[in-house]
PDB file of N, CA and C in Angstrom:
ATOM      1  N   MET A   1     -82.920-110.527 -31.405  1.00  0.00           N
ATOM      2  CA  MET A   1     -82.158-110.779 -30.198  1.00  0.00           C
ATOM      3  C   MET A   1     -82.542-109.760 -29.138  1.00  0.00           C
ATOM      4  N   ASP A   2     -82.974-110.254 -28.017  1.00  0.00           N
ATOM      5  CA  ASP A   2     -83.308-109.338 -26.929  1.00  0.00           C
ATOM      6  C   ASP A   2     -82.169-109.316 -25.902  1.00  0.00           C
ATOM      7  N   THR A   3     -82.408-108.634 -24.802  1.00  0.00           N
ATOM      8  CA  THR A   3     -81.367-108.423 -23.793  1.00  0.00           C
ATOM      9  C   THR A   3     -80.892-109.739 -23.180  1.00  0.00           C
ATOM     10  N   LYS A   4     -81.810-110.672 -22.970  1.00  0.00           N
ATOM     11  CA  LYS A   4     -81.433-111.965 -22.390  1.00  0.00           C
ATOM     12  C   LYS A   4     -80.416-112.694 -23.269  1.00  0.00           C
ATOM     13  N   ASP A   5     -80.645-112.650 -24.571  1.00  0.00           N
ATOM     14  CA  ASP A   5     -79.731-113.326 -25.492  1.00  0.00           C
ATOM     15  C   ASP A   5     -78.356-112.666 -25.506  1.00  0.00           C
ATOM     16  N   LEU A   6     -78.326-111.347 -25.435  1.00  0.00           N
ATOM     17  CA  LEU A   6     -77.046-110.640 -25.408  1.00  0.00           C
ATOM     18  C   LEU A   6     -76.278-110.940 -24.123  1.00  0.00           C
ATOM     19  N   LEU A   7     -76.989-110.995 -23.002  1.00  0.00           N
ATOM     20  CA  LEU A   7     -76.330-111.323 -21.735  1.00  0.00           C
ATOM     21  C   LEU A   7     -75.810-112.758 -21.729  1.00  0.00           C
ATOM     22  N   ARG A   8     -76.487-113.630 -22.460  1.00  0.00           N
ATOM     23  CA  ARG A   8     -76.043-115.016 -22.552  1.00  0.00           C
ATOM     24  C   ARG A   8     -74.703-115.122 -23.290  1.00  0.00           C
ATOM     25  N   LEU A   9     -74.434-114.178 -24.179  1.00  0.00           N
ATOM     26  CA  LEU A   9     -73.194-114.203 -24.954  1.00  0.00           C
ATOM     27  C   LEU A   9     -72.014-113.545 -24.246  1.00  0.00           C
ATOM     28  N   VAL A  10     -72.258-112.824 -23.151  1.00  0.00           N
ATOM     29  CA  VAL A  10     -71.185-112.103 -22.461  1.00  0.00           C
ATOM     30  C   VAL A  10     -70.140-113.066 -21.900  1.00  0.00           C
ATOM     31  N   HIS A  11     -70.571-114.103 -21.224  1.00  0.00           N
ATOM     32  CA  HIS A  11     -69.651-115.055 -20.592  1.00  0.00           C
ATOM     33  C   HIS A  11     -68.718-115.723 -21.605  1.00  0.00           C
ATOM     34  N   PRO A  12     -69.237-116.316 -22.683  1.00  0.00           N
ATOM     35  CA  PRO A  12     -68.313-116.933 -23.645  1.00  0.00           C
ATOM     36  C   PRO A  12     -67.436-115.918 -24.380  1.00  0.00           C
ATOM     37  N   ALA A  13     -67.969-114.730 -24.639  1.00  0.00           N
ATOM     38  CA  ALA A  13     -67.178-113.719 -25.345  1.00  0.00           C
ATOM     39  C   ALA A  13     -65.988-113.270 -24.502  1.00  0.00           C
ATOM     40  N   ILE A  14     -66.215-113.053 -23.220  1.00  0.00           N
ATOM     41  CA  ILE A  14     -65.113-112.658 -22.337  1.00  0.00           C
ATOM     42  C   ILE A  14     -64.109-113.804 -22.203  1.00  0.00           C
ATOM     43  N   ALA A  15     -64.614-115.031 -22.147  1.00  0.00           N
ATOM     44  CA  ALA A  15     -63.708-116.176 -22.042  1.00  0.00           C
ATOM     45  C   ALA A  15     -62.804-116.269 -23.270  1.00  0.00           C
ATOM     46  N   VAL A  16     -63.371-116.072 -24.448  1.00  0.00           N
ATOM     47  CA  VAL A  16     -62.577-116.169 -25.675  1.00  0.00           C
ATOM     48  C   VAL A  16     -61.641-114.979 -25.814  1.00  0.00           C
ATOM     49  N   ALA A  17     -62.105-113.792 -25.458  1.00  0.00           N
ATOM     50  CA  ALA A  17     -61.304-112.582 -25.666  1.00  0.00           C
ATOM     51  C   ALA A  17     -60.218-112.388 -24.614  1.00  0.00           C
ATOM     52  N   ILE A  18     -60.444-112.866 -23.393  1.00  0.00           N
ATOM     53  CA  ILE A  18     -59.497-112.584 -22.310  1.00  0.00           C
ATOM     54  C   ILE A  18     -58.817-113.852 -21.789  1.00  0.00           C
ATOM     55  N   VAL A  19     -59.591-114.865 -21.462  1.00  0.00           N
ATOM     56  CA  VAL A  19     -59.030-116.034 -20.777  1.00  0.00           C
ATOM     57  C   VAL A  19     -58.152-116.876 -21.704  1.00  0.00           C
ATOM     58  N   TYR A  20     -58.604-117.167 -22.906  1.00  0.00           N
ATOM     59  CA  TYR A  20     -57.818-118.024 -23.798  1.00  0.00           C
ATOM     60  C   TYR A  20     -56.452-117.435 -24.154  1.00  0.00           C
ATOM     61  N   PRO A  21     -56.343-116.130 -24.437  1.00  0.00           N
ATOM     62  CA  PRO A  21     -54.994-115.590 -24.665  1.00  0.00           C
ATOM     63  C   PRO A  21     -54.090-115.688 -23.431  1.00  0.00           C
ATOM     64  N   ILE A  22     -54.673-115.524 -22.242  1.00  0.00           N
ATOM     65  CA  ILE A  22     -53.868-115.651 -21.025  1.00  0.00           C
ATOM     66  C   ILE A  22     -53.394-117.094 -20.859  1.00  0.00           C
ATOM     67  N   VAL A  23     -54.247-118.060 -21.211  1.00  0.00           N
ATOM     68  CA  VAL A  23     -53.837-119.468 -21.156  1.00  0.00           C
ATOM     69  C   VAL A  23     -52.636-119.691 -22.073  1.00  0.00           C
ATOM     70  N   GLY A  24     -52.684-119.110 -23.258  1.00  0.00           N
ATOM     71  CA  GLY A  24     -51.563-119.240 -24.185  1.00  0.00           C
ATOM     72  C   GLY A  24     -50.276-118.663 -23.627  1.00  0.00           C
ATOM     73  N   MET A  25     -50.371-117.497 -22.982  1.00  0.00           N
ATOM     74  CA  MET A  25     -49.178-116.881 -22.397  1.00  0.00           C
ATOM     75  C   MET A  25     -48.611-117.734 -21.265  1.00  0.00           C
ATOM     76  N   VAL A  26     -49.493-118.266 -20.420  1.00  0.00           N
ATOM     77  CA  VAL A  26     -49.038-119.080 -19.284  1.00  0.00           C
ATOM     78  C   VAL A  26     -48.366-120.359 -19.779  1.00  0.00           C
ATOM     79  N   VAL A  27     -48.947-120.992 -20.786  1.00  0.00           N
ATOM     80  CA  VAL A  27     -48.350-122.219 -21.320  1.00  0.00           C
ATOM     81  C   VAL A  27     -46.989-121.924 -21.948  1.00  0.00           C
ATOM     82  N   ASN A  28     -46.880-120.818 -22.672  1.00  0.00           N
ATOM     83  CA  ASN A  28     -45.604-120.441 -23.281  1.00  0.00           C
ATOM     84  C   ASN A  28     -44.540-120.192 -22.212  1.00  0.00           C
ATOM     85  N   MET A  29     -44.907-119.460 -21.163  1.00  0.00           N
ATOM     86  CA  MET A  29     -43.944-119.188 -20.092  1.00  0.00           C
ATOM     87  C   MET A  29     -43.579-120.467 -19.346  1.00  0.00           C
ATOM     88  N   ALA A  30     -44.536-121.384 -19.179  1.00  0.00           N
ATOM     89  CA  ALA A  30     -44.241-122.657 -18.514  1.00  0.00           C
ATOM     90  C   ALA A  30     -43.239-123.461 -19.331  1.00  0.00           C
ATOM     91  N   TRP A  31     -43.409-123.466 -20.647  1.00  0.00           N
ATOM     92  CA  TRP A  31     -42.478-124.185 -21.512  1.00  0.00           C
ATOM     93  C   TRP A  31     -41.084-123.568 -21.428  1.00  0.00           C
ATOM     94  N   GLN A  32     -41.017-122.239 -21.446  1.00  0.00           N
ATOM     95  CA  GLN A  32     -39.721-121.567 -21.346  1.00  0.00           C
ATOM     96  C   GLN A  32     -39.048-121.846 -20.000  1.00  0.00           C
ATOM     97  N   THR A  33     -39.843-121.830 -18.933  1.00  0.00           N
ATOM     98  CA  THR A  33     -39.294-122.114 -17.606  1.00  0.00           C
ATOM     99  C   THR A  33     -38.725-123.527 -17.556  1.00  0.00           C
ATOM    100  N   ARG A  34     -39.457-124.473 -18.107  1.00  0.00           N
ATOM    101  CA  ARG A  34     -38.967-125.861 -18.126  1.00  0.00           C
ATOM    102  C   ARG A  34     -37.691-125.981 -18.948  1.00  0.00           C
ATOM    103  N   GLN A  35     -37.667-125.350 -20.111  1.00  0.00           N
ATOM    104  CA  GLN A  35     -36.470-125.413 -20.955  1.00  0.00           C
ATOM    105  C   GLN A  35     -35.264-124.803 -20.245  1.00  0.00           C
ATOM    106  N   ARG A  36     -35.496-123.707 -19.554  1.00  0.00           N
ATOM    107  CA  ARG A  36     -34.398-123.064 -18.819  1.00  0.00           C
ATOM    108  C   ARG A  36     -33.870-123.992 -17.727  1.00  0.00           C
ATOM    109  N   ARG A  37     -34.788-124.605 -16.981  1.00  0.00           N
ATOM    110  CA  ARG A  37     -34.358-125.507 -15.905  1.00  0.00           C
ATOM    111  C   ARG A  37     -33.594-126.707 -16.452  1.00  0.00           C
ATOM    112  N   LEU A  38     -34.045-127.242 -17.587  1.00  0.00           N
ATOM    113  CA  LEU A  38     -33.340-128.378 -18.183  1.00  0.00           C
ATOM    114  C   LEU A  38     -31.945-127.981 -18.652  1.00  0.00           C
ATOM    115  N   GLN A  39     -31.818-126.771 -19.221  1.00  0.00           N
ATOM    116  CA  GLN A  39     -30.508-126.307 -19.672  1.00  0.00           C
ATOM    117  C   GLN A  39     -29.564-126.091 -18.495  1.00  0.00           C
ATOM    118  N   VAL A  40     -30.075-125.501 -17.422  1.00  0.00           N
ATOM    119  CA  VAL A  40     -29.235-125.253 -16.249  1.00  0.00           C
ATOM    120  C   VAL A  40     -28.820-126.576 -15.607  1.00  0.00           C
ATOM    121  N   THR A  41     -29.729-127.538 -15.552  1.00  0.00           N
ATOM    122  CA  THR A  41     -29.423-128.840 -14.959  1.00  0.00           C
ATOM    123  C   THR A  41     -28.349-129.578 -15.752  1.00  0.00           C
ATOM    124  N   SER A  42     -28.402-129.445 -17.075  1.00  0.00           N
ATOM    125  CA  SER A  42     -27.409-130.145 -17.901  1.00  0.00           C
ATOM    126  C   SER A  42     -26.065-129.432 -17.919  1.00  0.00           C
ATOM    127  N   GLY A  43     -25.988-128.260 -17.318  1.00  0.00           N
ATOM    128  CA  GLY A  43     -24.723-127.550 -17.221  1.00  0.00           C
ATOM    129  C   GLY A  43     -24.502-126.521 -18.311  1.00  0.00           C
ATOM    130  N   GLU A  44     -25.456-126.379 -19.224  1.00  0.00           N
ATOM    131  CA  GLU A  44     -25.333-125.386 -20.294  1.00  0.00           C
ATOM    132  C   GLU A  44     -25.690-124.004 -19.771  1.00  0.00           C
ATOM    133  N   LYS A  45     -25.227-123.007 -20.495  1.00  0.00           N
ATOM    134  CA  LYS A  45     -25.624-121.640 -20.170  1.00  0.00           C
ATOM    135  C   LYS A  45     -26.936-121.375 -20.907  1.00  0.00           C
ATOM    136  N   SER A  46     -27.954-120.998 -20.173  1.00  0.00           N
ATOM    137  CA  SER A  46     -29.276-120.797 -20.756  1.00  0.00           C
ATOM    138  C   SER A  46     -29.387-119.411 -21.383  1.00  0.00           C
ATOM    139  N   THR A  47     -30.027-119.360 -22.540  1.00  0.00           N
ATOM    140  CA  THR A  47     -30.279-118.072 -23.196  1.00  0.00           C
ATOM    141  C   THR A  47     -31.607-117.475 -22.754  1.00  0.00           C
ATOM    142  N   ILE A  48     -32.389-118.255 -22.034  1.00  0.00           N
ATOM    143  CA  ILE A  48     -33.686-117.783 -21.542  1.00  0.00           C
ATOM    144  C   ILE A  48     -33.444-117.022 -20.244  1.00  0.00           C
ATOM    145  N   PRO A  49     -33.988-115.801 -20.118  1.00  0.00           N
ATOM    146  CA  PRO A  49     -33.727-115.008 -18.916  1.00  0.00           C
ATOM    147  C   PRO A  49     -34.361-115.631 -17.671  1.00  0.00           C
ATOM    148  N   PRO A  50     -33.739-115.423 -16.509  1.00  0.00           N
ATOM    149  CA  PRO A  50     -34.264-116.014 -15.275  1.00  0.00           C
ATOM    150  C   PRO A  50     -35.600-115.437 -14.832  1.00  0.00           C
ATOM    151  N   VAL A  51     -35.982-114.297 -15.359  1.00  0.00           N
ATOM    152  CA  VAL A  51     -37.226-113.658 -14.945  1.00  0.00           C
ATOM    153  C   VAL A  51     -38.460-114.398 -15.473  1.00  0.00           C
ATOM    154  N   VAL A  52     -38.265-115.346 -16.372  1.00  0.00           N
ATOM    155  CA  VAL A  52     -39.391-116.067 -16.971  1.00  0.00           C
ATOM    156  C   VAL A  52     -40.217-116.790 -15.911  1.00  0.00           C
ATOM    157  N   GLY A  53     -39.568-117.378 -14.924  1.00  0.00           N
ATOM    158  CA  GLY A  53     -40.297-118.094 -13.871  1.00  0.00           C
ATOM    159  C   GLY A  53     -41.201-117.183 -13.068  1.00  0.00           C
ATOM    160  N   ARG A  54     -40.680-116.014 -12.703  1.00  0.00           N
ATOM    161  CA  ARG A  54     -41.497-115.054 -11.944  1.00  0.00           C
ATOM    162  C   ARG A  54     -42.653-114.529 -12.781  1.00  0.00           C
ATOM    163  N   GLU A  55     -42.386-114.258 -14.054  1.00  0.00           N
ATOM    164  CA  GLU A  55     -43.448-113.781 -14.946  1.00  0.00           C
ATOM    165  C   GLU A  55     -44.522-114.857 -15.125  1.00  0.00           C
ATOM    166  N   HIS A  56     -44.091-116.111 -15.195  1.00  0.00           N
ATOM    167  CA  HIS A  56     -45.031-117.226 -15.313  1.00  0.00           C
ATOM    168  C   HIS A  56     -45.977-117.255 -14.111  1.00  0.00           C
ATOM    169  N   VAL A  57     -45.440-117.048 -12.926  1.00  0.00           N
ATOM    170  CA  VAL A  57     -46.261-117.042 -11.711  1.00  0.00           C
ATOM    171  C   VAL A  57     -47.226-115.860 -11.727  1.00  0.00           C
ATOM    172  N   LYS A  58     -46.737-114.677 -12.121  1.00  0.00           N
ATOM    173  CA  LYS A  58     -47.599-113.491 -12.146  1.00  0.00           C
ATOM    174  C   LYS A  58     -48.756-113.661 -13.128  1.00  0.00           C
ATOM    175  N   ILE A  59     -48.450-114.122 -14.326  1.00  0.00           N
ATOM    176  CA  ILE A  59     -49.503-114.291 -15.326  1.00  0.00           C
ATOM    177  C   ILE A  59     -50.424-115.440 -14.930  1.00  0.00           C
ATOM    178  N   GLY A  60     -49.877-116.467 -14.269  1.00  0.00           N
ATOM    179  CA  GLY A  60     -50.712-117.565 -13.774  1.00  0.00           C
ATOM    180  C   GLY A  60     -51.726-117.095 -12.746  1.00  0.00           C
ATOM    181  N   ARG A  61     -51.319-116.140 -11.924  1.00  0.00           N
ATOM    182  CA  ARG A  61     -52.272-115.575 -10.955  1.00  0.00           C
ATOM    183  C   ARG A  61     -53.368-114.792 -11.664  1.00  0.00           C
ATOM    184  N   TRP A  62     -52.996-114.061 -12.726  1.00  0.00           N
ATOM    185  CA  TRP A  62     -54.013-113.365 -13.524  1.00  0.00           C
ATOM    186  C   TRP A  62     -54.972-114.372 -14.149  1.00  0.00           C
ATOM    187  N   LEU A  63     -54.441-115.480 -14.626  1.00  0.00           N
ATOM    188  CA  LEU A  63     -55.282-116.516 -15.221  1.00  0.00           C
ATOM    189  C   LEU A  63     -56.247-117.082 -14.192  1.00  0.00           C
ATOM    190  N   THR A  64     -55.755-117.363 -13.007  1.00  0.00           N
ATOM    191  CA  THR A  64     -56.614-117.893 -11.950  1.00  0.00           C
ATOM    192  C   THR A  64     -57.740-116.926 -11.623  1.00  0.00           C
ATOM    193  N   GLY A  65     -57.402-115.658 -11.477  1.00  0.00           N
ATOM    194  CA  GLY A  65     -58.420-114.649 -11.183  1.00  0.00           C
ATOM    195  C   GLY A  65     -59.434-114.505 -12.295  1.00  0.00           C
ATOM    196  N   SER A  66     -58.981-114.564 -13.533  1.00  0.00           N
ATOM    197  CA  SER A  66     -59.920-114.406 -14.643  1.00  0.00           C
ATOM    198  C   SER A  66     -60.838-115.619 -14.774  1.00  0.00           C
ATOM    199  N   VAL A  67     -60.319-116.816 -14.516  1.00  0.00           N
ATOM    200  CA  VAL A  67     -61.170-118.011 -14.567  1.00  0.00           C
ATOM    201  C   VAL A  67     -62.218-117.963 -13.458  1.00  0.00           C
ATOM    202  N   VAL A  68     -61.821-117.554 -12.270  1.00  0.00           N
ATOM    203  CA  VAL A  68     -62.783-117.419 -11.171  1.00  0.00           C
ATOM    204  C   VAL A  68     -63.820-116.351 -11.512  1.00  0.00           C
ATOM    205  N   GLY A  69     -63.377-115.232 -12.068  1.00  0.00           N
ATOM    206  CA  GLY A  69     -64.308-114.166 -12.456  1.00  0.00           C
ATOM    207  C   GLY A  69     -65.302-114.617 -13.509  1.00  0.00           C
ATOM    208  N   ILE A  70     -64.826-115.344 -14.514  1.00  0.00           N
ATOM    209  CA  ILE A  70     -65.713-115.850 -15.566  1.00  0.00           C
ATOM    210  C   ILE A  70     -66.715-116.842 -14.978  1.00  0.00           C
ATOM    211  N   SER A  71     -66.262-117.685 -14.069  1.00  0.00           N
ATOM    212  CA  SER A  71     -67.170-118.649 -13.432  1.00  0.00           C
ATOM    213  C   SER A  71     -68.231-117.941 -12.606  1.00  0.00           C
ATOM    214  N   LEU A  72     -67.817-116.915 -11.864  1.00  0.00           N
ATOM    215  CA  LEU A  72     -68.789-116.153 -11.078  1.00  0.00           C
ATOM    216  C   LEU A  72     -69.778-115.422 -11.975  1.00  0.00           C
ATOM    217  N   LEU A  73     -69.311-114.929 -13.105  1.00  0.00           N
ATOM    218  CA  LEU A  73     -70.201-114.270 -14.061  1.00  0.00           C
ATOM    219  C   LEU A  73     -71.240-115.251 -14.599  1.00  0.00           C
ATOM    220  N   ALA A  74     -70.808-116.470 -14.912  1.00  0.00           N
ATOM    221  CA  ALA A  74     -71.740-117.486 -15.396  1.00  0.00           C
ATOM    222  C   ALA A  74     -72.745-117.870 -14.313  1.00  0.00           C
ATOM    223  N   LEU A  75     -72.268-118.017 -13.083  1.00  0.00           N
ATOM    224  CA  LEU A  75     -73.190-118.341 -11.990  1.00  0.00           C
ATOM    225  C   LEU A  75     -74.174-117.208 -11.730  1.00  0.00           C
ATOM    226  N   ALA A  76     -73.707-115.977 -11.817  1.00  0.00           N
ATOM    227  CA  ALA A  76     -74.600-114.831 -11.629  1.00  0.00           C
ATOM    228  C   ALA A  76     -75.670-114.805 -12.709  1.00  0.00           C
ATOM    229  N   TYR A  77     -75.298-115.116 -13.936  1.00  0.00           N
ATOM    230  CA  TYR A  77     -76.283-115.159 -15.018  1.00  0.00           C
ATOM    231  C   TYR A  77     -77.346-116.208 -14.722  1.00  0.00           C
ATOM    232  N   VAL A  78     -76.903-117.386 -14.313  1.00  0.00           N
ATOM    233  CA  VAL A  78     -77.851-118.463 -14.037  1.00  0.00           C
ATOM    234  C   VAL A  78     -78.772-118.090 -12.881  1.00  0.00           C
ATOM    235  N   LEU A  79     -78.219-117.500 -11.825  1.00  0.00           N
ATOM    236  CA  LEU A  79     -79.027-117.176 -10.652  1.00  0.00           C
ATOM    237  C   LEU A  79     -79.958-115.995 -10.891  1.00  0.00           C
ATOM    238  N   ILE A  80     -79.502-114.995 -11.623  1.00  0.00           N
ATOM    239  CA  ILE A  80     -80.304-113.782 -11.799  1.00  0.00           C
ATOM    240  C   ILE A  80     -81.279-113.905 -12.966  1.00  0.00           C
ATOM    241  N   ILE A  81     -80.814-114.297 -14.116  1.00  0.00           N
ATOM    242  CA  ILE A  81     -81.658-114.328 -15.310  1.00  0.00           C
ATOM    243  C   ILE A  81     -82.588-115.533 -15.307  1.00  0.00           C
ATOM    244  N   LYS A  82     -82.094-116.673 -14.931  1.00  0.00           N
ATOM    245  CA  LYS A  82     -82.907-117.888 -14.992  1.00  0.00           C
ATOM    246  C   LYS A  82     -83.789-118.087 -13.762  1.00  0.00           C
ATOM    247  N   ALA A  83     -83.584-117.293 -12.717  1.00  0.00           N
ATOM    248  CA  ALA A  83     -84.360-117.488 -11.485  1.00  0.00           C
ATOM    249  C   ALA A  83     -85.768-116.983 -11.600  1.00  0.00           C
TER     250      ALA A  83
END
């Protein structure tokens, strides 16, 4: 394995190590936010804290930034190494 092969593995490795766990967190917070809204709408007292919605937005922004960063990393690899 030379340097080109190692650089080819950087993009998928970062995606698996960073982006996929963030996707899991965002989906979990989205589910909690929905459950909280459904409980409040039905008139029940929700056990889910109200901060879940704000946290969902914050982590969603991190997810957006990381996906854009991973995409730019892949494009940089294609433009620099393959050019």
